[in-house]
Amino acid sequence: HGPMSLVKAKGVDGAPLVMGKKVAVFTDVEEGQVGLTEKVPFLLEAKMKELGAEVQVADPWNDNAVRDGKLVTGQNPQSSVSVA
């Protein structure tokens, strides 16, 4: 859930930092599979899309790291080595 730290981040122009950026995040499907859909304040994949990010997803629980310039994000714990 590391990319959650980007939800409130803004660029110098005041727009969401992730707007127009390619990102990988814990998916809404994965959140449902761990039974937390109703327990989290929002679904991260949906929130990133709402903020204008281009969310790139892999099948649940597969390694998926995405780089857009200096921004590197991962989908899930399986992505940690690729992100590093």
C-alpha atoms as a PDB file:
ATOM      1  CA  HIS A   1       0.000   0.000   0.000  1.00  0.00           C
ATOM      2  CA  GLY A   2       3.021   2.303  -0.357  1.00  0.00           C
ATOM      3  CA  PRO A   3       1.467   4.293  -3.223  1.00  0.00           C
ATOM      4  CA  MET A   4      -1.237   5.387  -0.761  1.00  0.00           C
ATOM      5  CA  SER A   5       1.268   8.039   0.338  1.00  0.00           C
ATOM      6  CA  LEU A   6       0.741   9.716  -3.052  1.00  0.00           C
ATOM      7  CA  VAL A   7      -3.011  10.284  -2.645  1.00  0.00           C
ATOM      8  CA  LYS A   8      -2.672  13.744  -1.101  1.00  0.00           C
ATOM      9  CA  ALA A   9       0.589  14.687  -2.841  1.00  0.00           C
ATOM     10  CA  LYS A  10       0.343  17.717  -5.122  1.00  0.00           C
ATOM     11  CA  GLY A  11       2.591  19.027  -7.867  1.00  0.00           C
ATOM     12  CA  VAL A  12       3.871  22.603  -7.905  1.00  0.00           C
ATOM     13  CA  ASP A  13       0.753  23.537  -9.877  1.00  0.00           C
ATOM     14  CA  GLY A  14      -1.504  22.187  -7.121  1.00  0.00           C
ATOM     15  CA  ALA A  15      -2.773  19.268  -9.226  1.00  0.00           C
ATOM     16  CA  PRO A  16      -2.545  15.715  -7.904  1.00  0.00           C
ATOM     17  CA  LEU A  17       1.035  14.477  -8.300  1.00  0.00           C
ATOM     18  CA  VAL A  18      -0.195  11.268  -9.927  1.00  0.00           C
ATOM     19  CA  MET A  19      -2.325  13.019 -12.552  1.00  0.00           C
ATOM     20  CA  GLY A  20      -1.264  11.717 -15.961  1.00  0.00           C
ATOM     21  CA  LYS A  21       1.326   9.382 -14.415  1.00  0.00           C
ATOM     22  CA  LYS A  22       1.538   5.623 -14.902  1.00  0.00           C
ATOM     23  CA  VAL A  23       1.317   3.840 -11.557  1.00  0.00           C
ATOM     24  CA  ALA A  24       0.863   0.373 -10.103  1.00  0.00           C
ATOM     25  CA  VAL A  25      -1.147   0.056  -6.887  1.00  0.00           C
ATOM     26  CA  PHE A  26      -2.816  -2.613  -4.760  1.00  0.00           C
ATOM     27  CA  THR A  27      -5.856  -3.377  -6.883  1.00  0.00           C
ATOM     28  CA  ASP A  28      -9.518  -3.264  -5.921  1.00  0.00           C
ATOM     29  CA  VAL A  29      -9.680  -7.003  -6.728  1.00  0.00           C
ATOM     30  CA  GLU A  30      -6.761  -7.781  -4.393  1.00  0.00           C
ATOM     31  CA  GLU A  31      -8.360  -5.690  -1.641  1.00  0.00           C
ATOM     32  CA  GLY A  32     -11.526  -7.755  -2.039  1.00  0.00           C
ATOM     33  CA  GLN A  33      -9.594 -11.012  -1.959  1.00  0.00           C
ATOM     34  CA  VAL A  34      -8.128 -10.148   1.446  1.00  0.00           C
ATOM     35  CA  GLY A  35     -11.561  -9.123   2.724  1.00  0.00           C
ATOM     36  CA  LEU A  36     -10.775  -5.474   3.426  1.00  0.00           C
ATOM     37  CA  THR A  37     -12.973  -3.711   0.871  1.00  0.00           C
ATOM     38  CA  GLU A  38     -15.401  -2.517   3.548  1.00  0.00           C
ATOM     39  CA  LYS A  39     -12.673  -1.733   6.105  1.00  0.00           C
ATOM     40  CA  VAL A  40     -10.419   0.656   4.216  1.00  0.00           C
ATOM     41  CA  PRO A  41     -11.366   4.344   3.829  1.00  0.00           C
ATOM     42  CA  PHE A  42     -11.189   4.036   0.027  1.00  0.00           C
ATOM     43  CA  LEU A  43     -10.041   1.598  -2.638  1.00  0.00           C
ATOM     44  CA  LEU A  44      -6.625   2.710  -3.821  1.00  0.00           C
ATOM     45  CA  GLU A  45      -7.005   1.705  -7.468  1.00  0.00           C
ATOM     46  CA  ALA A  46     -10.289   3.609  -7.753  1.00  0.00           C
ATOM     47  CA  LYS A  47      -8.858   6.631  -5.924  1.00  0.00           C
ATOM     48  CA  MET A  48      -5.808   6.815  -8.196  1.00  0.00           C
ATOM     49  CA  LYS A  49      -8.031   6.698 -11.275  1.00  0.00           C
ATOM     50  CA  GLU A  50     -10.185   9.443  -9.740  1.00  0.00           C
ATOM     51  CA  LEU A  51      -7.011  11.541  -9.334  1.00  0.00           C
ATOM     52  CA  GLY A  52      -6.154  11.091 -13.006  1.00  0.00           C
ATOM     53  CA  ALA A  53      -3.463   8.424 -12.741  1.00  0.00           C
ATOM     54  CA  GLU A  54      -3.042   5.799 -15.443  1.00  0.00           C
ATOM     55  CA  VAL A  55      -3.255   2.664 -13.297  1.00  0.00           C
ATOM     56  CA  GLN A  56      -1.511  -0.339 -14.806  1.00  0.00           C
ATOM     57  CA  VAL A  57      -2.581  -3.628 -13.243  1.00  0.00           C
ATOM     58  CA  ALA A  58      -1.357  -7.189 -13.501  1.00  0.00           C
ATOM     59  CA  ASP A  59      -3.294 -10.276 -12.506  1.00  0.00           C
ATOM     60  CA  PRO A  60      -3.864 -10.403  -8.736  1.00  0.00           C
ATOM     61  CA  TRP A  61      -0.787 -11.231  -6.669  1.00  0.00           C
ATOM     62  CA  ASN A  62       1.629 -11.048  -9.617  1.00  0.00           C
ATOM     63  CA  ASP A  63       4.748  -8.912  -9.660  1.00  0.00           C
ATOM     64  CA  ASN A  64       4.026  -5.547 -11.273  1.00  0.00           C
ATOM     65  CA  ALA A  65       6.351  -2.563 -11.004  1.00  0.00           C
ATOM     66  CA  VAL A  66       5.795   0.588 -13.047  1.00  0.00           C
ATOM     67  CA  ARG A  67       8.212   3.442 -13.654  1.00  0.00           C
ATOM     68  CA  ASP A  68       7.128   6.837 -14.916  1.00  0.00           C
ATOM     69  CA  GLY A  69      10.107   9.178 -14.856  1.00  0.00           C
ATOM     70  CA  LYS A  70      11.450   9.171 -11.304  1.00  0.00           C
ATOM     71  CA  LEU A  71       8.232   7.713  -9.877  1.00  0.00           C
ATOM     72  CA  VAL A  72       8.414   3.955  -9.264  1.00  0.00           C
ATOM     73  CA  THR A  73       5.391   2.118  -7.850  1.00  0.00           C
ATOM     74  CA  GLY A  74       4.453  -1.493  -7.191  1.00  0.00           C
ATOM     75  CA  GLN A  75       1.167  -3.329  -7.108  1.00  0.00           C
ATOM     76  CA  ASN A  76       1.605  -5.607  -4.103  1.00  0.00           C
ATOM     77  CA  PRO A  77       4.191  -7.306  -1.856  1.00  0.00           C
ATOM     78  CA  GLN A  78       5.220  -9.553  -4.746  1.00  0.00           C
ATOM     79  CA  SER A  79       6.421  -6.399  -6.528  1.00  0.00           C
ATOM     80  CA  SER A  80       8.825  -5.254  -3.814  1.00  0.00           C
ATOM     81  CA  VAL A  81      12.021  -6.613  -5.373  1.00  0.00           C
ATOM     82  CA  SER A  82      11.172  -5.181  -8.798  1.00  0.00           C
ATOM     83  CA  VAL A  83      10.419  -1.777  -7.263  1.00  0.00           C
ATOM     84  CA  ALA A  84      13.701  -1.781  -5.345  1.00  0.00           C
END
